[in-house]
């Protein structure tokens, strides 16, 4: 099942942090419920996301597309390596992952 629509819905109707550094900060502060990571996320950012997610119990979903694809789904005209979902809004993304 594709998570494209739930990701887009979470970004547009919920509260999300866009980008690797913002996602890491959201995980570290304990407000992130889920982090969607692009397949080509920079290694250092991915390692930090995994490390802090283990410490806080945050779920991680590895997105199969590139950061360009994730940016397009999020409605952004740039690459997005990670998206931290704080509040899912109208999306059911937390139930799907």
PDB file of N, CA and C in Angstrom:
ATOM      1  N   UNK A   1       0.836  -1.192   0.000  1.00  0.00           N
ATOM      2  CA  UNK A   1       0.000   0.000   0.000  1.00  0.00           C
ATOM      3  C   UNK A   1       0.874   1.246   0.000  1.00  0.00           C
ATOM      4  N   UNK A   2       0.505   2.195  -0.813  1.00  0.00           N
ATOM      5  CA  UNK A   2       1.265   3.432  -0.931  1.00  0.00           C
ATOM      6  C   UNK A   2       0.905   4.401   0.193  1.00  0.00           C
ATOM      7  N   UNK A   3       1.917   5.036   0.731  1.00  0.00           N
ATOM      8  CA  UNK A   3       1.683   6.030   1.775  1.00  0.00           C
ATOM      9  C   UNK A   3       1.685   7.447   1.224  1.00  0.00           C
ATOM     10  N   UNK A   4       1.680   7.592  -0.095  1.00  0.00           N
ATOM     11  CA  UNK A   4       1.748   8.927  -0.689  1.00  0.00           C
ATOM     12  C   UNK A   4       0.608   9.824  -0.227  1.00  0.00           C
ATOM     13  N   UNK A   5      -0.630   9.334  -0.331  1.00  0.00           N
ATOM     14  CA  UNK A   5      -1.781  10.151   0.063  1.00  0.00           C
ATOM     15  C   UNK A   5      -1.785  10.441   1.564  1.00  0.00           C
ATOM     16  N   UNK A   6      -1.553   9.458   2.443  1.00  0.00           N
ATOM     17  CA  UNK A   6      -1.508   9.764   3.870  1.00  0.00           C
ATOM     18  C   UNK A   6      -0.402  10.764   4.247  1.00  0.00           C
ATOM     19  N   UNK A   7       0.747  10.688   3.576  1.00  0.00           N
ATOM     20  CA  UNK A   7       1.818  11.651   3.845  1.00  0.00           C
ATOM     21  C   UNK A   7       1.368  13.043   3.439  1.00  0.00           C
ATOM     22  N   UNK A   8       0.812  13.169   2.233  1.00  0.00           N
ATOM     23  CA  UNK A   8       0.339  14.467   1.747  1.00  0.00           C
ATOM     24  C   UNK A   8      -0.741  15.031   2.666  1.00  0.00           C
ATOM     25  N   UNK A   9      -1.638  14.181   3.127  1.00  0.00           N
ATOM     26  CA  UNK A   9      -2.714  14.612   4.013  1.00  0.00           C
ATOM     27  C   UNK A   9      -2.168  15.065   5.367  1.00  0.00           C
ATOM     28  N   UNK A  10      -1.203  14.344   5.899  1.00  0.00           N
ATOM     29  CA  UNK A  10      -0.611  14.718   7.183  1.00  0.00           C
ATOM     30  C   UNK A  10       0.097  16.071   7.085  1.00  0.00           C
ATOM     31  N   UNK A  11       0.792  16.305   5.979  1.00  0.00           N
ATOM     32  CA  UNK A  11       1.501  17.574   5.800  1.00  0.00           C
ATOM     33  C   UNK A  11       0.513  18.728   5.649  1.00  0.00           C
ATOM     34  N   UNK A  12      -0.577  18.510   4.895  1.00  0.00           N
ATOM     35  CA  UNK A  12      -1.506  19.615   4.626  1.00  0.00           C
ATOM     36  C   UNK A  12      -2.495  19.876   5.763  1.00  0.00           C
ATOM     37  N   UNK A  13      -2.912  18.838   6.498  1.00  0.00           N
ATOM     38  CA  UNK A  13      -3.938  19.038   7.529  1.00  0.00           C
ATOM     39  C   UNK A  13      -3.415  18.891   8.952  1.00  0.00           C
ATOM     40  N   UNK A  14      -2.230  18.333   9.104  1.00  0.00           N
ATOM     41  CA  UNK A  14      -1.689  18.113  10.437  1.00  0.00           C
ATOM     42  C   UNK A  14      -0.544  19.050  10.759  1.00  0.00           C
ATOM     43  N   UNK A  15       0.306  18.598  11.663  1.00  0.00           N
ATOM     44  CA  UNK A  15       1.481  19.359  12.069  1.00  0.00           C
ATOM     45  C   UNK A  15       2.694  18.484  11.804  1.00  0.00           C
ATOM     46  N   UNK A  16       3.554  18.920  10.898  1.00  0.00           N
ATOM     47  CA  UNK A  16       4.740  18.150  10.521  1.00  0.00           C
ATOM     48  C   UNK A  16       5.963  19.045  10.489  1.00  0.00           C
ATOM     49  N   UNK A  17       7.123  18.444  10.677  1.00  0.00           N
ATOM     50  CA  UNK A  17       8.400  19.139  10.521  1.00  0.00           C
ATOM     51  C   UNK A  17       9.040  18.597   9.255  1.00  0.00           C
ATOM     52  N   UNK A  18       9.436  19.502   8.375  1.00  0.00           N
ATOM     53  CA  UNK A  18       9.991  19.136   7.079  1.00  0.00           C
ATOM     54  C   UNK A  18      11.504  19.266   7.114  1.00  0.00           C
ATOM     55  N   UNK A  19      12.201  18.199   6.715  1.00  0.00           N
ATOM     56  CA  UNK A  19      13.662  18.228   6.630  1.00  0.00           C
ATOM     57  C   UNK A  19      14.319  17.386   7.699  1.00  0.00           C
ATOM     58  N   UNK A  20      15.556  16.998   7.427  1.00  0.00           N
ATOM     59  CA  UNK A  20      16.288  16.121   8.330  1.00  0.00           C
ATOM     60  C   UNK A  20      16.562  16.742   9.688  1.00  0.00           C
ATOM     61  N   UNK A  21      17.113  17.943   9.704  1.00  0.00           N
ATOM     62  CA  UNK A  21      17.473  18.596  10.974  1.00  0.00           C
ATOM     63  C   UNK A  21      16.239  18.897  11.818  1.00  0.00           C
ATOM     64  N   UNK A  22      15.174  19.391  11.178  1.00  0.00           N
ATOM     65  CA  UNK A  22      13.934  19.677  11.915  1.00  0.00           C
ATOM     66  C   UNK A  22      13.315  18.400  12.463  1.00  0.00           C
ATOM     67  N   UNK A  23      13.404  17.319  11.690  1.00  0.00           N
ATOM     68  CA  UNK A  23      12.873  16.033  12.148  1.00  0.00           C
ATOM     69  C   UNK A  23      13.668  15.514  13.342  1.00  0.00           C
ATOM     70  N   UNK A  24      14.988  15.644  13.278  1.00  0.00           N
ATOM     71  CA  UNK A  24      15.828  15.212  14.401  1.00  0.00           C
ATOM     72  C   UNK A  24      15.472  15.995  15.658  1.00  0.00           C
ATOM     73  N   UNK A  25      15.292  17.303  15.524  1.00  0.00           N
ATOM     74  CA  UNK A  25      14.918  18.118  16.681  1.00  0.00           C
ATOM     75  C   UNK A  25      13.561  17.712  17.238  1.00  0.00           C
ATOM     76  N   UNK A  26      12.616  17.376  16.364  1.00  0.00           N
ATOM     77  CA  UNK A  26      11.292  16.940  16.811  1.00  0.00           C
ATOM     78  C   UNK A  26      11.375  15.608  17.560  1.00  0.00           C
ATOM     79  N   UNK A  27      12.243  14.727  17.092  1.00  0.00           N
ATOM     80  CA  UNK A  27      12.419  13.441  17.782  1.00  0.00           C
ATOM     81  C   UNK A  27      13.072  13.670  19.142  1.00  0.00           C
ATOM     82  N   UNK A  28      14.123  14.479  19.157  1.00  0.00           N
ATOM     83  CA  UNK A  28      14.860  14.732  20.408  1.00  0.00           C
ATOM     84  C   UNK A  28      13.978  15.350  21.486  1.00  0.00           C
ATOM     85  N   UNK A  29      13.054  16.216  21.080  1.00  0.00           N
ATOM     86  CA  UNK A  29      12.172  16.848  22.057  1.00  0.00           C
ATOM     87  C   UNK A  29      10.972  15.978  22.415  1.00  0.00           C
ATOM     88  N   UNK A  30      10.806  14.853  21.711  1.00  0.00           N
ATOM     89  CA  UNK A  30       9.752  13.905  22.046  1.00  0.00           C
ATOM     90  C   UNK A  30       8.394  14.235  21.471  1.00  0.00           C
ATOM     91  N   UNK A  31       8.321  15.169  20.511  1.00  0.00           N
ATOM     92  CA  UNK A  31       7.013  15.538  19.964  1.00  0.00           C
ATOM     93  C   UNK A  31       6.654  14.765  18.700  1.00  0.00           C
ATOM     94  N   UNK A  32       7.630  14.135  18.059  1.00  0.00           N
ATOM     95  CA  UNK A  32       7.372  13.387  16.826  1.00  0.00           C
ATOM     96  C   UNK A  32       6.744  12.030  17.147  1.00  0.00           C
ATOM     97  N   UNK A  33       5.712  11.682  16.397  1.00  0.00           N
ATOM     98  CA  UNK A  33       5.070  10.373  16.554  1.00  0.00           C
ATOM     99  C   UNK A  33       5.572   9.386  15.499  1.00  0.00           C
ATOM    100  N   UNK A  34       5.991   9.929  14.346  1.00  0.00           N
ATOM    101  CA  UNK A  34       6.459   9.123  13.230  1.00  0.00           C
ATOM    102  C   UNK A  34       7.407   9.966  12.390  1.00  0.00           C
ATOM    103  N   UNK A  35       8.442   9.332  11.854  1.00  0.00           N
ATOM    104  CA  UNK A  35       9.335  10.010  10.926  1.00  0.00           C
ATOM    105  C   UNK A  35       9.379   9.199   9.635  1.00  0.00           C
ATOM    106  N   UNK A  36       9.100   9.863   8.530  1.00  0.00           N
ATOM    107  CA  UNK A  36       9.185   9.259   7.203  1.00  0.00           C
ATOM    108  C   UNK A  36      10.508   9.722   6.608  1.00  0.00           C
ATOM    109  N   UNK A  37      11.355   8.757   6.245  1.00  0.00           N
ATOM    110  CA  UNK A  37      12.696   9.064   5.770  1.00  0.00           C
ATOM    111  C   UNK A  37      12.850   8.631   4.317  1.00  0.00           C
ATOM    112  N   UNK A  38      13.349   9.530   3.474  1.00  0.00           N
ATOM    113  CA  UNK A  38      13.578   9.213   2.063  1.00  0.00           C
ATOM    114  C   UNK A  38      14.698   8.187   1.927  1.00  0.00           C
ATOM    115  N   UNK A  39      14.651   7.436   0.846  1.00  0.00           N
ATOM    116  CA  UNK A  39      15.646   6.386   0.611  1.00  0.00           C
ATOM    117  C   UNK A  39      17.062   6.944   0.504  1.00  0.00           C
ATOM    118  N   UNK A  40      17.197   8.176   0.014  1.00  0.00           N
ATOM    119  CA  UNK A  40      18.527   8.758  -0.147  1.00  0.00           C
ATOM    120  C   UNK A  40      18.826   9.836   0.896  1.00  0.00           C
ATOM    121  N   UNK A  41      18.240   9.696   2.074  1.00  0.00           N
ATOM    122  CA  UNK A  41      18.518  10.616   3.168  1.00  0.00           C
ATOM    123  C   UNK A  41      20.019  10.559   3.482  1.00  0.00           C
ATOM    124  N   UNK A  42      20.646  11.718   3.735  1.00  0.00           N
ATOM    125  CA  UNK A  42      22.078  11.695   4.074  1.00  0.00           C
ATOM    126  C   UNK A  42      22.360  10.744   5.242  1.00  0.00           C
ATOM    127  N   UNK A  43      23.451  10.011   5.129  1.00  0.00           N
ATOM    128  CA  UNK A  43      23.788   8.971   6.098  1.00  0.00           C
ATOM    129  C   UNK A  43      23.843   9.508   7.528  1.00  0.00           C
ATOM    130  N   UNK A  44      24.451  10.665   7.710  1.00  0.00           N
ATOM    131  CA  UNK A  44      24.587  11.226   9.062  1.00  0.00           C
ATOM    132  C   UNK A  44      23.223  11.544   9.664  1.00  0.00           C
ATOM    133  N   UNK A  45      22.348  12.140   8.858  1.00  0.00           N
ATOM    134  CA  UNK A  45      21.003  12.452   9.348  1.00  0.00           C
ATOM    135  C   UNK A  45      20.231  11.177   9.665  1.00  0.00           C
ATOM    136  N   UNK A  46      20.327  10.176   8.789  1.00  0.00           N
ATOM    137  CA  UNK A  46      19.617   8.919   9.016  1.00  0.00           C
ATOM    138  C   UNK A  46      20.093   8.247  10.306  1.00  0.00           C
ATOM    139  N   UNK A  47      21.401   8.254  10.528  1.00  0.00           N
ATOM    140  CA  UNK A  47      21.933   7.644  11.753  1.00  0.00           C
ATOM    141  C   UNK A  47      21.433   8.380  12.992  1.00  0.00           C
ATOM    142  N   UNK A  48      21.376   9.718  12.935  1.00  0.00           N
ATOM    143  CA  UNK A  48      20.855  10.490  14.068  1.00  0.00           C
ATOM    144  C   UNK A  48      19.368  10.213  14.285  1.00  0.00           C
ATOM    145  N   UNK A  49      18.611  10.135  13.186  1.00  0.00           N
ATOM    146  CA  UNK A  49      17.178   9.844  13.296  1.00  0.00           C
ATOM    147  C   UNK A  49      16.965   8.488  13.959  1.00  0.00           C
ATOM    148  N   UNK A  50      17.687   7.477  13.514  1.00  0.00           N
ATOM    149  CA  UNK A  50      17.549   6.136  14.091  1.00  0.00           C
ATOM    150  C   UNK A  50      17.950   6.135  15.565  1.00  0.00           C
ATOM    151  N   UNK A  51      19.056   6.786  15.880  1.00  0.00           N
ATOM    152  CA  UNK A  51      19.551   6.820  17.254  1.00  0.00           C
ATOM    153  C   UNK A  51      18.523   7.461  18.197  1.00  0.00           C
ATOM    154  N   UNK A  52      18.064   8.656  17.850  1.00  0.00           N
ATOM    155  CA  UNK A  52      17.130   9.353  18.731  1.00  0.00           C
ATOM    156  C   UNK A  52      15.752   8.700  18.733  1.00  0.00           C
ATOM    157  N   UNK A  53      15.363   8.084  17.623  1.00  0.00           N
ATOM    158  CA  UNK A  53      14.079   7.381  17.589  1.00  0.00           C
ATOM    159  C   UNK A  53      14.084   6.192  18.540  1.00  0.00           C
ATOM    160  N   UNK A  54      15.214   5.486  18.614  1.00  0.00           N
ATOM    161  CA  UNK A  54      15.314   4.375  19.559  1.00  0.00           C
ATOM    162  C   UNK A  54      15.208   4.872  20.991  1.00  0.00           C
ATOM    163  N   UNK A  55      15.816   6.012  21.280  1.00  0.00           N
ATOM    164  CA  UNK A  55      15.789   6.548  22.641  1.00  0.00           C
ATOM    165  C   UNK A  55      14.390   7.015  23.053  1.00  0.00           C
ATOM    166  N   UNK A  56      13.641   7.542  22.095  1.00  0.00           N
ATOM    167  CA  UNK A  56      12.328   8.099  22.422  1.00  0.00           C
ATOM    168  C   UNK A  56      11.163   7.189  22.061  1.00  0.00           C
ATOM    169  N   UNK A  57      11.435   6.097  21.355  1.00  0.00           N
ATOM    170  CA  UNK A  57      10.370   5.183  20.957  1.00  0.00           C
ATOM    171  C   UNK A  57       9.555   5.688  19.771  1.00  0.00           C
ATOM    172  N   UNK A  58      10.142   6.543  18.965  1.00  0.00           N
ATOM    173  CA  UNK A  58       9.463   7.096  17.789  1.00  0.00           C
ATOM    174  C   UNK A  58       9.537   6.106  16.630  1.00  0.00           C
ATOM    175  N   UNK A  59       8.432   5.947  15.915  1.00  0.00           N
ATOM    176  CA  UNK A  59       8.411   5.058  14.751  1.00  0.00           C
ATOM    177  C   UNK A  59       9.131   5.706  13.577  1.00  0.00           C
ATOM    178  N   UNK A  60       9.788   4.870  12.777  1.00  0.00           N
ATOM    179  CA  UNK A  60      10.446   5.324  11.553  1.00  0.00           C
ATOM    180  C   UNK A  60       9.871   4.520  10.387  1.00  0.00           C
ATOM    181  N   UNK A  61       9.573   5.219   9.293  1.00  0.00           N
ATOM    182  CA  UNK A  61       9.152   4.538   8.070  1.00  0.00           C
ATOM    183  C   UNK A  61      10.124   4.927   6.972  1.00  0.00           C
ATOM    184  N   UNK A  62      10.733   3.944   6.349  1.00  0.00           N
ATOM    185  CA  UNK A  62      11.655   4.179   5.233  1.00  0.00           C
ATOM    186  C   UNK A  62      10.836   4.328   3.952  1.00  0.00           C
ATOM    187  N   UNK A  63      10.801   5.540   3.421  1.00  0.00           N
ATOM    188  CA  UNK A  63      10.095   5.832   2.180  1.00  0.00           C
ATOM    189  C   UNK A  63      10.922   5.302   1.020  1.00  0.00           C
ATOM    190  N   UNK A  64      10.293   4.630   0.086  1.00  0.00           N
ATOM    191  CA  UNK A  64      11.038   3.976  -0.991  1.00  0.00           C
ATOM    192  C   UNK A  64      11.511   4.933  -2.079  1.00  0.00           C
ATOM    193  N   UNK A  65      10.936   6.113  -2.138  1.00  0.00           N
ATOM    194  CA  UNK A  65      11.323   7.079  -3.155  1.00  0.00           C
ATOM    195  C   UNK A  65      12.460   7.969  -2.695  1.00  0.00           C
ATOM    196  N   UNK A  66      12.899   8.822  -3.601  1.00  0.00           N
ATOM    197  CA  UNK A  66      13.997   9.744  -3.304  1.00  0.00           C
ATOM    198  C   UNK A  66      13.481  10.958  -2.531  1.00  0.00           C
ATOM    199  N   UNK A  67      14.408  11.806  -2.131  1.00  0.00           N
ATOM    200  CA  UNK A  67      14.032  13.028  -1.432  1.00  0.00           C
ATOM    201  C   UNK A  67      13.269  13.980  -2.362  1.00  0.00           C
ATOM    202  N   UNK A  68      13.521  13.904  -3.667  1.00  0.00           N
ATOM    203  CA  UNK A  68      12.725  14.684  -4.624  1.00  0.00           C
ATOM    204  C   UNK A  68      11.283  14.207  -4.605  1.00  0.00           C
ATOM    205  N   UNK A  69      11.094  12.888  -4.589  1.00  0.00           N
ATOM    206  CA  UNK A  69       9.750  12.311  -4.557  1.00  0.00           C
ATOM    207  C   UNK A  69       9.014  12.707  -3.275  1.00  0.00           C
ATOM    208  N   UNK A  70       9.710  12.637  -2.154  1.00  0.00           N
ATOM    209  CA  UNK A  70       9.100  12.981  -0.869  1.00  0.00           C
ATOM    210  C   UNK A  70       8.742  14.465  -0.829  1.00  0.00           C
ATOM    211  N   UNK A  71       9.596  15.304  -1.382  1.00  0.00           N
ATOM    212  CA  UNK A  71       9.296  16.728  -1.466  1.00  0.00           C
ATOM    213  C   UNK A  71       8.063  17.002  -2.315  1.00  0.00           C
ATOM    214  N   UNK A  72       7.948  16.281  -3.423  1.00  0.00           N
ATOM    215  CA  UNK A  72       6.794  16.452  -4.305  1.00  0.00           C
ATOM    216  C   UNK A  72       5.504  16.048  -3.596  1.00  0.00           C
ATOM    217  N   UNK A  73       5.543  14.936  -2.879  1.00  0.00           N
ATOM    218  CA  UNK A  73       4.363  14.464  -2.147  1.00  0.00           C
ATOM    219  C   UNK A  73       3.966  15.468  -1.067  1.00  0.00           C
ATOM    220  N   UNK A  74       4.969  16.074  -0.427  1.00  0.00           N
ATOM    221  CA  UNK A  74       4.702  17.048   0.632  1.00  0.00           C
ATOM    222  C   UNK A  74       4.287  18.406   0.070  1.00  0.00           C
ATOM    223  N   UNK A  75       4.315  18.550  -1.261  1.00  0.00           N
ATOM    224  CA  UNK A  75       3.930  19.808  -1.880  1.00  0.00           C
ATOM    225  C   UNK A  75       5.008  20.869  -1.807  1.00  0.00           C
ATOM    226  N   UNK A  76       6.245  20.446  -1.687  1.00  0.00           N
ATOM    227  CA  UNK A  76       7.372  21.371  -1.597  1.00  0.00           C
ATOM    228  C   UNK A  76       8.178  21.345  -2.895  1.00  0.00           C
ATOM    229  N   UNK A  77       8.675  22.500  -3.342  1.00  0.00           N
ATOM    230  CA  UNK A  77       9.445  22.542  -4.587  1.00  0.00           C
ATOM    231  C   UNK A  77      10.936  22.266  -4.378  1.00  0.00           C
ATOM    232  N   UNK A  78      11.255  21.450  -3.391  1.00  0.00           N
ATOM    233  CA  UNK A  78      12.643  21.129  -3.088  1.00  0.00           C
ATOM    234  C   UNK A  78      12.743  19.726  -2.506  1.00  0.00           C
ATOM    235  N   UNK A  79      13.973  19.245  -2.352  1.00  0.00           N
ATOM    236  CA  UNK A  79      14.192  17.909  -1.802  1.00  0.00           C
ATOM    237  C   UNK A  79      13.858  17.896  -0.309  1.00  0.00           C
ATOM    238  N   UNK A  80      13.225  16.820   0.138  1.00  0.00           N
ATOM    239  CA  UNK A  80      12.884  16.641   1.549  1.00  0.00           C
ATOM    240  C   UNK A  80      13.405  15.277   1.977  1.00  0.00           C
ATOM    241  N   UNK A  81      14.406  15.263   2.848  1.00  0.00           N
ATOM    242  CA  UNK A  81      15.002  13.990   3.251  1.00  0.00           C
ATOM    243  C   UNK A  81      14.201  13.281   4.335  1.00  0.00           C
ATOM    244  N   UNK A  82      13.438  14.052   5.129  1.00  0.00           N
ATOM    245  CA  UNK A  82      12.652  13.444   6.207  1.00  0.00           C
ATOM    246  C   UNK A  82      11.472  14.343   6.566  1.00  0.00           C
ATOM    247  N   UNK A  83      10.418  13.709   7.040  1.00  0.00           N
ATOM    248  CA  UNK A  83       9.242  14.428   7.543  1.00  0.00           C
ATOM    249  C   UNK A  83       8.874  13.822   8.889  1.00  0.00           C
ATOM    250  N   UNK A  84       8.821  14.667   9.915  1.00  0.00           N
ATOM    251  CA  UNK A  84       8.388  14.212  11.237  1.00  0.00           C
ATOM    252  C   UNK A  84       6.920  14.579  11.410  1.00  0.00           C
ATOM    253  N   UNK A  85       6.099  13.586  11.695  1.00  0.00           N
ATOM    254  CA  UNK A  85       4.671  13.814  11.912  1.00  0.00           C
ATOM    255  C   UNK A  85       4.451  14.067  13.395  1.00  0.00           C
ATOM    256  N   UNK A  86       3.980  15.271  13.708  1.00  0.00           N
ATOM    257  CA  UNK A  86       3.683  15.644  15.095  1.00  0.00           C
ATOM    258  C   UNK A  86       2.213  15.329  15.394  1.00  0.00           C
ATOM    259  N   UNK A  87       1.338  15.877  14.548  1.00  0.00           N
ATOM    260  CA  UNK A  87      -0.099  15.588  14.610  1.00  0.00           C
ATOM    261  C   UNK A  87      -0.529  15.166  13.206  1.00  0.00           C
ATOM    262  N   UNK A  88      -1.187  14.032  13.068  1.00  0.00           N
ATOM    263  CA  UNK A  88      -1.526  13.528  11.737  1.00  0.00           C
ATOM    264  C   UNK A  88      -2.642  14.273  11.029  1.00  0.00           C
ATOM    265  N   UNK A  89      -3.386  15.123  11.727  1.00  0.00           N
ATOM    266  CA  UNK A  89      -4.503  15.831  11.096  1.00  0.00           C
ATOM    267  C   UNK A  89      -5.567  14.841  10.638  1.00  0.00           C
ATOM    268  N   UNK A  90      -6.035  14.988   9.397  1.00  0.00           N
ATOM    269  CA  UNK A  90      -7.062  14.100   8.848  1.00  0.00           C
ATOM    270  C   UNK A  90      -6.498  12.803   8.310  1.00  0.00           C
ATOM    271  N   UNK A  91      -5.188  12.651   8.377  1.00  0.00           N
ATOM    272  CA  UNK A  91      -4.515  11.466   7.838  1.00  0.00           C
ATOM    273  C   UNK A  91      -4.608  10.298   8.809  1.00  0.00           C
ATOM    274  N   UNK A  92      -4.600   9.090   8.254  1.00  0.00           N
ATOM    275  CA  UNK A  92      -4.553   7.879   9.089  1.00  0.00           C
ATOM    276  C   UNK A  92      -3.161   7.242   9.042  1.00  0.00           C
ATOM    277  N   UNK A  93      -2.155   8.046   8.811  1.00  0.00           N
ATOM    278  CA  UNK A  93      -0.797   7.543   8.601  1.00  0.00           C
ATOM    279  C   UNK A  93      -0.246   6.777   9.808  1.00  0.00           C
ATOM    280  N   UNK A  94      -0.614   7.183  11.015  1.00  0.00           N
ATOM    281  CA  UNK A  94      -0.099   6.499  12.204  1.00  0.00           C
ATOM    282  C   UNK A  94      -0.643   5.084  12.321  1.00  0.00           C
ATOM    283  N   UNK A  95      -1.816   4.835  11.765  1.00  0.00           N
ATOM    284  CA  UNK A  95      -2.403   3.496  11.810  1.00  0.00           C
ATOM    285  C   UNK A  95      -1.842   2.606  10.717  1.00  0.00           C
ATOM    286  N   UNK A  96      -1.349   3.204   9.633  1.00  0.00           N
ATOM    287  CA  UNK A  96      -0.843   2.441   8.486  1.00  0.00           C
ATOM    288  C   UNK A  96       0.592   1.961   8.669  1.00  0.00           C
ATOM    289  N   UNK A  97       1.335   2.646   9.509  1.00  0.00           N
ATOM    290  CA  UNK A  97       2.765   2.293   9.677  1.00  0.00           C
ATOM    291  C   UNK A  97       2.956   1.486  10.925  1.00  0.00           C
TER     292      UNK A  97
END
